[in-house]
Amino acid sequence: MQRILLVEDDLLLARVVEDYLCGNGYVVWHEASGKRAARRIPEQSPDAVILDVNLPDLDGFAVCREVRERYS
């Protein structure tokens, strides 16, 4: 089963996306913090990451830059 990390601080939007993906056979992990996502991505190595650009603590572009060397 494909594992997706959804990084979204809007909890209602995250729930809608998570429900849709789970209903289509994906395992979805949710993270609302860019800083926590930057730690979690290399540790758990999801198959895909859906990353919000406008996160309150560390924006999505910064998360990408931070994990790029440790996550393919």
PDB file of N, CA and C in Angstrom:
ATOM      1  N   MET A   1       0.833  -1.180   0.000  1.00  0.00           N
ATOM      2  CA  MET A   1       0.000   0.000   0.000  1.00  0.00           C
ATOM      3  C   MET A   1       0.883   1.250   0.000  1.00  0.00           C
ATOM      4  N   GLN A   2       0.519   2.219  -0.795  1.00  0.00           N
ATOM      5  CA  GLN A   2       1.264   3.471  -0.888  1.00  0.00           C
ATOM      6  C   GLN A   2       1.006   4.335   0.343  1.00  0.00           C
ATOM      7  N   ARG A   3       2.084   4.895   0.900  1.00  0.00           N
ATOM      8  CA  ARG A   3       1.990   5.741   2.091  1.00  0.00           C
ATOM      9  C   ARG A   3       2.228   7.193   1.712  1.00  0.00           C
ATOM     10  N   ILE A   4       1.324   8.057   2.104  1.00  0.00           N
ATOM     11  CA  ILE A   4       1.406   9.474   1.776  1.00  0.00           C
ATOM     12  C   ILE A   4       1.443  10.285   3.058  1.00  0.00           C
ATOM     13  N   LEU A   5       2.372  11.240   3.123  1.00  0.00           N
ATOM     14  CA  LEU A   5       2.388  12.202   4.221  1.00  0.00           C
ATOM     15  C   LEU A   5       1.718  13.475   3.719  1.00  0.00           C
ATOM     16  N   LEU A   6       0.635  13.838   4.342  1.00  0.00           N
ATOM     17  CA  LEU A   6      -0.107  15.054   4.019  1.00  0.00           C
ATOM     18  C   LEU A   6       0.284  16.118   5.038  1.00  0.00           C
ATOM     19  N   VAL A   7       0.881  17.202   4.564  1.00  0.00           N
ATOM     20  CA  VAL A   7       1.317  18.284   5.439  1.00  0.00           C
ATOM     21  C   VAL A   7       0.417  19.480   5.162  1.00  0.00           C
ATOM     22  N   GLU A   8      -0.538  19.695   6.066  1.00  0.00           N
ATOM     23  CA  GLU A   8      -1.563  20.729   5.881  1.00  0.00           C
ATOM     24  C   GLU A   8      -2.017  21.218   7.245  1.00  0.00           C
ATOM     25  N   ASP A   9      -1.988  22.539   7.453  1.00  0.00           N
ATOM     26  CA  ASP A   9      -2.394  23.090   8.746  1.00  0.00           C
ATOM     27  C   ASP A   9      -3.890  23.376   8.832  1.00  0.00           C
ATOM     28  N   ASP A  10      -4.587  23.421   7.723  1.00  0.00           N
ATOM     29  CA  ASP A  10      -6.038  23.595   7.713  1.00  0.00           C
ATOM     30  C   ASP A  10      -6.663  22.222   7.968  1.00  0.00           C
ATOM     31  N   LEU A  11      -7.149  22.010   9.176  1.00  0.00           N
ATOM     32  CA  LEU A  11      -7.603  20.676   9.573  1.00  0.00           C
ATOM     33  C   LEU A  11      -8.806  20.180   8.785  1.00  0.00           C
ATOM     34  N   LEU A  12      -9.709  21.077   8.412  1.00  0.00           N
ATOM     35  CA  LEU A  12     -10.866  20.664   7.615  1.00  0.00           C
ATOM     36  C   LEU A  12     -10.417  20.198   6.223  1.00  0.00           C
ATOM     37  N   LEU A  13      -9.563  20.968   5.588  1.00  0.00           N
ATOM     38  CA  LEU A  13      -9.045  20.587   4.274  1.00  0.00           C
ATOM     39  C   LEU A  13      -8.253  19.279   4.370  1.00  0.00           C
ATOM     40  N   ALA A  14      -7.446  19.152   5.401  1.00  0.00           N
ATOM     41  CA  ALA A  14      -6.663  17.930   5.585  1.00  0.00           C
ATOM     42  C   ALA A  14      -7.579  16.714   5.716  1.00  0.00           C
ATOM     43  N   ARG A  15      -8.661  16.867   6.458  1.00  0.00           N
ATOM     44  CA  ARG A  15      -9.604  15.763   6.651  1.00  0.00           C
ATOM     45  C   ARG A  15     -10.254  15.354   5.324  1.00  0.00           C
ATOM     46  N   VAL A  16     -10.638  16.321   4.512  1.00  0.00           N
ATOM     47  CA  VAL A  16     -11.264  16.027   3.216  1.00  0.00           C
ATOM     48  C   VAL A  16     -10.278  15.274   2.318  1.00  0.00           C
ATOM     49  N   VAL A  17      -9.046  15.766   2.235  1.00  0.00           N
ATOM     50  CA  VAL A  17      -8.034  15.124   1.394  1.00  0.00           C
ATOM     51  C   VAL A  17      -7.710  13.725   1.928  1.00  0.00           C
ATOM     52  N   GLU A  18      -7.553  13.613   3.237  1.00  0.00           N
ATOM     53  CA  GLU A  18      -7.243  12.325   3.849  1.00  0.00           C
ATOM     54  C   GLU A  18      -8.355  11.312   3.602  1.00  0.00           C
ATOM     55  N   ASP A  19      -9.601  11.714   3.782  1.00  0.00           N
ATOM     56  CA  ASP A  19     -10.730  10.816   3.537  1.00  0.00           C
ATOM     57  C   ASP A  19     -10.755  10.336   2.090  1.00  0.00           C
ATOM     58  N   TYR A  20     -10.508  11.261   1.161  1.00  0.00           N
ATOM     59  CA  TYR A  20     -10.499  10.901  -0.262  1.00  0.00           C
ATOM     60  C   TYR A  20      -9.390   9.893  -0.565  1.00  0.00           C
ATOM     61  N   LEU A  21      -8.186  10.182  -0.093  1.00  0.00           N
ATOM     62  CA  LEU A  21      -7.054   9.302  -0.378  1.00  0.00           C
ATOM     63  C   LEU A  21      -7.229   7.932   0.282  1.00  0.00           C
ATOM     64  N   CYS A  22      -7.660   7.923   1.527  1.00  0.00           N
ATOM     65  CA  CYS A  22      -7.896   6.638   2.214  1.00  0.00           C
ATOM     66  C   CYS A  22      -8.968   5.825   1.495  1.00  0.00           C
ATOM     67  N   GLY A  23      -9.990   6.506   1.003  1.00  0.00           N
ATOM     68  CA  GLY A  23     -11.052   5.838   0.263  1.00  0.00           C
ATOM     69  C   GLY A  23     -10.586   5.257  -1.053  1.00  0.00           C
ATOM     70  N   ASN A  24      -9.425   5.696  -1.513  1.00  0.00           N
ATOM     71  CA  ASN A  24      -8.864   5.181  -2.758  1.00  0.00           C
ATOM     72  C   ASN A  24      -7.651   4.284  -2.515  1.00  0.00           C
ATOM     73  N   GLY A  25      -7.535   3.778  -1.305  1.00  0.00           N
ATOM     74  CA  GLY A  25      -6.546   2.757  -1.021  1.00  0.00           C
ATOM     75  C   GLY A  25      -5.190   3.212  -0.516  1.00  0.00           C
ATOM     76  N   TYR A  26      -5.035   4.487  -0.197  1.00  0.00           N
ATOM     77  CA  TYR A  26      -3.751   4.984   0.312  1.00  0.00           C
ATOM     78  C   TYR A  26      -3.750   5.004   1.836  1.00  0.00           C
ATOM     79  N   VAL A  27      -2.583   4.828   2.401  1.00  0.00           N
ATOM     80  CA  VAL A  27      -2.378   5.040   3.831  1.00  0.00           C
ATOM     81  C   VAL A  27      -1.909   6.483   3.964  1.00  0.00           C
ATOM     82  N   VAL A  28      -2.610   7.259   4.769  1.00  0.00           N
ATOM     83  CA  VAL A  28      -2.302   8.689   4.877  1.00  0.00           C
ATOM     84  C   VAL A  28      -1.897   9.024   6.302  1.00  0.00           C
ATOM     85  N   TRP A  29      -0.746   9.671   6.424  1.00  0.00           N
ATOM     86  CA  TRP A  29      -0.306  10.241   7.688  1.00  0.00           C
ATOM     87  C   TRP A  29      -0.488  11.740   7.569  1.00  0.00           C
ATOM     88  N   HIS A  30      -0.923  12.384   8.603  1.00  0.00           N
ATOM     89  CA  HIS A  30      -1.147  13.823   8.575  1.00  0.00           C
ATOM     90  C   HIS A  30      -0.205  14.526   9.532  1.00  0.00           C
ATOM     91  N   GLU A  31       0.320  15.649   9.079  1.00  0.00           N
ATOM     92  CA  GLU A  31       1.170  16.495   9.914  1.00  0.00           C
ATOM     93  C   GLU A  31       0.763  17.935   9.640  1.00  0.00           C
ATOM     94  N   ALA A  32       0.568  18.733  10.696  1.00  0.00           N
ATOM     95  CA  ALA A  32       0.136  20.124  10.533  1.00  0.00           C
ATOM     96  C   ALA A  32       1.291  21.113  10.654  1.00  0.00           C
ATOM     97  N   SER A  33       2.470  20.647  10.991  1.00  0.00           N
ATOM     98  CA  SER A  33       3.621  21.510  11.225  1.00  0.00           C
ATOM     99  C   SER A  33       4.722  21.239  10.209  1.00  0.00           C
ATOM    100  N   GLY A  34       5.244  22.296   9.616  1.00  0.00           N
ATOM    101  CA  GLY A  34       6.361  22.146   8.688  1.00  0.00           C
ATOM    102  C   GLY A  34       7.609  21.634   9.376  1.00  0.00           C
ATOM    103  N   LYS A  35       7.869  22.111  10.583  1.00  0.00           N
ATOM    104  CA  LYS A  35       9.052  21.663  11.322  1.00  0.00           C
ATOM    105  C   LYS A  35       8.965  20.176  11.653  1.00  0.00           C
ATOM    106  N   ARG A  36       7.796  19.742  12.112  1.00  0.00           N
ATOM    107  CA  ARG A  36       7.637  18.314  12.425  1.00  0.00           C
ATOM    108  C   ARG A  36       7.687  17.472  11.152  1.00  0.00           C
ATOM    109  N   ALA A  37       7.130  17.991  10.066  1.00  0.00           N
ATOM    110  CA  ALA A  37       7.173  17.267   8.792  1.00  0.00           C
ATOM    111  C   ALA A  37       8.607  17.109   8.312  1.00  0.00           C
ATOM    112  N   ALA A  38       9.425  18.138   8.480  1.00  0.00           N
ATOM    113  CA  ALA A  38      10.826  18.067   8.045  1.00  0.00           C
ATOM    114  C   ALA A  38      11.583  16.979   8.809  1.00  0.00           C
ATOM    115  N   ARG A  39      11.207  16.716  10.040  1.00  0.00           N
ATOM    116  CA  ARG A  39      11.828  15.626  10.806  1.00  0.00           C
ATOM    117  C   ARG A  39      11.228  14.275  10.411  1.00  0.00           C
ATOM    118  N   ARG A  40       9.944  14.261  10.172  1.00  0.00           N
ATOM    119  CA  ARG A  40       9.223  13.008   9.928  1.00  0.00           C
ATOM    120  C   ARG A  40       9.502  12.420   8.541  1.00  0.00           C
ATOM    121  N   ILE A  41       9.671  13.252   7.544  1.00  0.00           N
ATOM    122  CA  ILE A  41       9.845  12.772   6.163  1.00  0.00           C
ATOM    123  C   ILE A  41      11.044  11.832   6.040  1.00  0.00           C
ATOM    124  N   PRO A  42      12.242  12.239   6.465  1.00  0.00           N
ATOM    125  CA  PRO A  42      13.369  11.302   6.339  1.00  0.00           C
ATOM    126  C   PRO A  42      13.267  10.092   7.273  1.00  0.00           C
ATOM    127  N   GLU A  43      12.621  10.251   8.413  1.00  0.00           N
ATOM    128  CA  GLU A  43      12.491   9.141   9.356  1.00  0.00           C
ATOM    129  C   GLU A  43      11.552   8.060   8.846  1.00  0.00           C
ATOM    130  N   GLN A  44      10.412   8.455   8.283  1.00  0.00           N
ATOM    131  CA  GLN A  44       9.389   7.483   7.890  1.00  0.00           C
ATOM    132  C   GLN A  44       9.378   7.183   6.401  1.00  0.00           C
ATOM    133  N   SER A  45      10.060   7.993   5.622  1.00  0.00           N
ATOM    134  CA  SER A  45      10.220   7.776   4.182  1.00  0.00           C
ATOM    135  C   SER A  45       8.910   7.404   3.468  1.00  0.00           C
ATOM    136  N   PRO A  46       7.953   8.327   3.469  1.00  0.00           N
ATOM    137  CA  PRO A  46       6.689   8.041   2.769  1.00  0.00           C
ATOM    138  C   PRO A  46       6.930   7.924   1.265  1.00  0.00           C
ATOM    139  N   ASP A  47       6.000   7.274   0.576  1.00  0.00           N
ATOM    140  CA  ASP A  47       6.100   7.126  -0.871  1.00  0.00           C
ATOM    141  C   ASP A  47       5.866   8.451  -1.587  1.00  0.00           C
ATOM    142  N   ALA A  48       5.067   9.323  -0.968  1.00  0.00           N
ATOM    143  CA  ALA A  48       4.785  10.642  -1.541  1.00  0.00           C
ATOM    144  C   ALA A  48       4.473  11.614  -0.409  1.00  0.00           C
ATOM    145  N   VAL A  49       4.691  12.891  -0.695  1.00  0.00           N
ATOM    146  CA  VAL A  49       4.386  13.948   0.263  1.00  0.00           C
ATOM    147  C   VAL A  49       3.514  14.979  -0.437  1.00  0.00           C
ATOM    148  N   ILE A  50       2.393  15.312   0.164  1.00  0.00           N
ATOM    149  CA  ILE A  50       1.558  16.421  -0.293  1.00  0.00           C
ATOM    150  C   ILE A  50       1.809  17.539   0.700  1.00  0.00           C
ATOM    151  N   LEU A  51       2.411  18.616   0.215  1.00  0.00           N
ATOM    152  CA  LEU A  51       2.965  19.622   1.095  1.00  0.00           C
ATOM    153  C   LEU A  51       2.351  20.992   0.829  1.00  0.00           C
ATOM    154  N   ASP A  52       1.712  21.547   1.850  1.00  0.00           N
ATOM    155  CA  ASP A  52       1.168  22.902   1.793  1.00  0.00           C
ATOM    156  C   ASP A  52       2.334  23.889   1.756  1.00  0.00           C
ATOM    157  N   VAL A  53       2.211  24.913   0.955  1.00  0.00           N
ATOM    158  CA  VAL A  53       3.262  25.921   0.866  1.00  0.00           C
ATOM    159  C   VAL A  53       3.162  26.909   2.028  1.00  0.00           C
ATOM    160  N   ASN A  54       1.965  27.246   2.432  1.00  0.00           N
ATOM    161  CA  ASN A  54       1.754  28.270   3.466  1.00  0.00           C
ATOM    162  C   ASN A  54       1.525  27.665   4.842  1.00  0.00           C
ATOM    163  N   LEU A  55       2.575  27.159   5.434  1.00  0.00           N
ATOM    164  CA  LEU A  55       2.497  26.628   6.792  1.00  0.00           C
ATOM    165  C   LEU A  55       2.954  27.708   7.764  1.00  0.00           C
ATOM    166  N   PRO A  56       2.419  27.725   8.969  1.00  0.00           N
ATOM    167  CA  PRO A  56       2.719  28.823   9.886  1.00  0.00           C
ATOM    168  C   PRO A  56       4.142  28.831  10.451  1.00  0.00           C
ATOM    169  N   ASP A  57       4.763  27.668  10.620  1.00  0.00           N
ATOM    170  CA  ASP A  57       6.070  27.653  11.276  1.00  0.00           C
ATOM    171  C   ASP A  57       7.250  27.504  10.317  1.00  0.00           C
ATOM    172  N   LEU A  58       7.103  26.732   9.272  1.00  0.00           N
ATOM    173  CA  LEU A  58       8.154  26.518   8.276  1.00  0.00           C
ATOM    174  C   LEU A  58       7.446  26.244   6.966  1.00  0.00           C
ATOM    175  N   ASP A  59       7.574  27.156   5.990  1.00  0.00           N
ATOM    176  CA  ASP A  59       6.789  26.995   4.766  1.00  0.00           C
ATOM    177  C   ASP A  59       7.235  25.766   3.964  1.00  0.00           C
ATOM    178  N   GLY A  60       6.384  25.354   3.058  1.00  0.00           N
ATOM    179  CA  GLY A  60       6.624  24.143   2.288  1.00  0.00           C
ATOM    180  C   GLY A  60       7.909  24.160   1.488  1.00  0.00           C
ATOM    181  N   PHE A  61       8.298  25.320   0.964  1.00  0.00           N
ATOM    182  CA  PHE A  61       9.551  25.412   0.209  1.00  0.00           C
ATOM    183  C   PHE A  61      10.745  25.144   1.124  1.00  0.00           C
ATOM    184  N   ALA A  62      10.708  25.678   2.330  1.00  0.00           N
ATOM    185  CA  ALA A  62      11.788  25.450   3.294  1.00  0.00           C
ATOM    186  C   ALA A  62      11.842  23.981   3.709  1.00  0.00           C
ATOM    187  N   VAL A  63      10.690  23.354   3.864  1.00  0.00           N
ATOM    188  CA  VAL A  63      10.652  21.923   4.187  1.00  0.00           C
ATOM    189  C   VAL A  63      11.341  21.137   3.071  1.00  0.00           C
ATOM    190  N   CYS A  64      11.021  21.453   1.830  1.00  0.00           N
ATOM    191  CA  CYS A  64      11.652  20.766   0.686  1.00  0.00           C
ATOM    192  C   CYS A  64      13.160  20.933   0.707  1.00  0.00           C
ATOM    193  N   ARG A  65      13.608  22.156   0.918  1.00  0.00           N
ATOM    194  CA  ARG A  65      15.057  22.397   0.952  1.00  0.00           C
ATOM    195  C   ARG A  65      15.724  21.611   2.079  1.00  0.00           C
ATOM    196  N   GLU A  66      15.061  21.556   3.220  1.00  0.00           N
ATOM    197  CA  GLU A  66      15.638  20.897   4.387  1.00  0.00           C
ATOM    198  C   GLU A  66      15.753  19.380   4.209  1.00  0.00           C
ATOM    199  N   VAL A  67      14.781  18.764   3.579  1.00  0.00           N
ATOM    200  CA  VAL A  67      14.793  17.291   3.483  1.00  0.00           C
ATOM    201  C   VAL A  67      15.377  16.771   2.170  1.00  0.00           C
ATOM    202  N   ARG A  68      15.622  17.625   1.227  1.00  0.00           N
ATOM    203  CA  ARG A  68      16.050  17.200  -0.120  1.00  0.00           C
ATOM    204  C   ARG A  68      17.255  16.248  -0.081  1.00  0.00           C
ATOM    205  N   GLU A  69      18.239  16.517   0.758  1.00  0.00           N
ATOM    206  CA  GLU A  69      19.448  15.693   0.807  1.00  0.00           C
ATOM    207  C   GLU A  69      19.211  14.335   1.468  1.00  0.00           C
ATOM    208  N   ARG A  70      18.167  14.218   2.279  1.00  0.00           N
ATOM    209  CA  ARG A  70      17.951  12.995   3.049  1.00  0.00           C
ATOM    210  C   ARG A  70      16.743  12.183   2.584  1.00  0.00           C
ATOM    211  N   TYR A  71      16.062  12.641   1.533  1.00  0.00           N
ATOM    212  CA  TYR A  71      14.843  11.970   1.079  1.00  0.00           C
ATOM    213  C   TYR A  71      14.763  12.037  -0.433  1.00  0.00           C
ATOM    214  N   SER A  72      14.569  10.901  -1.042  1.00  0.00           N
ATOM    215  CA  SER A  72      14.470  10.898  -2.504  1.00  0.00           C
ATOM    216  C   SER A  72      13.016  10.848  -2.895  1.00  0.00           C
TER     217      SER A  72
END
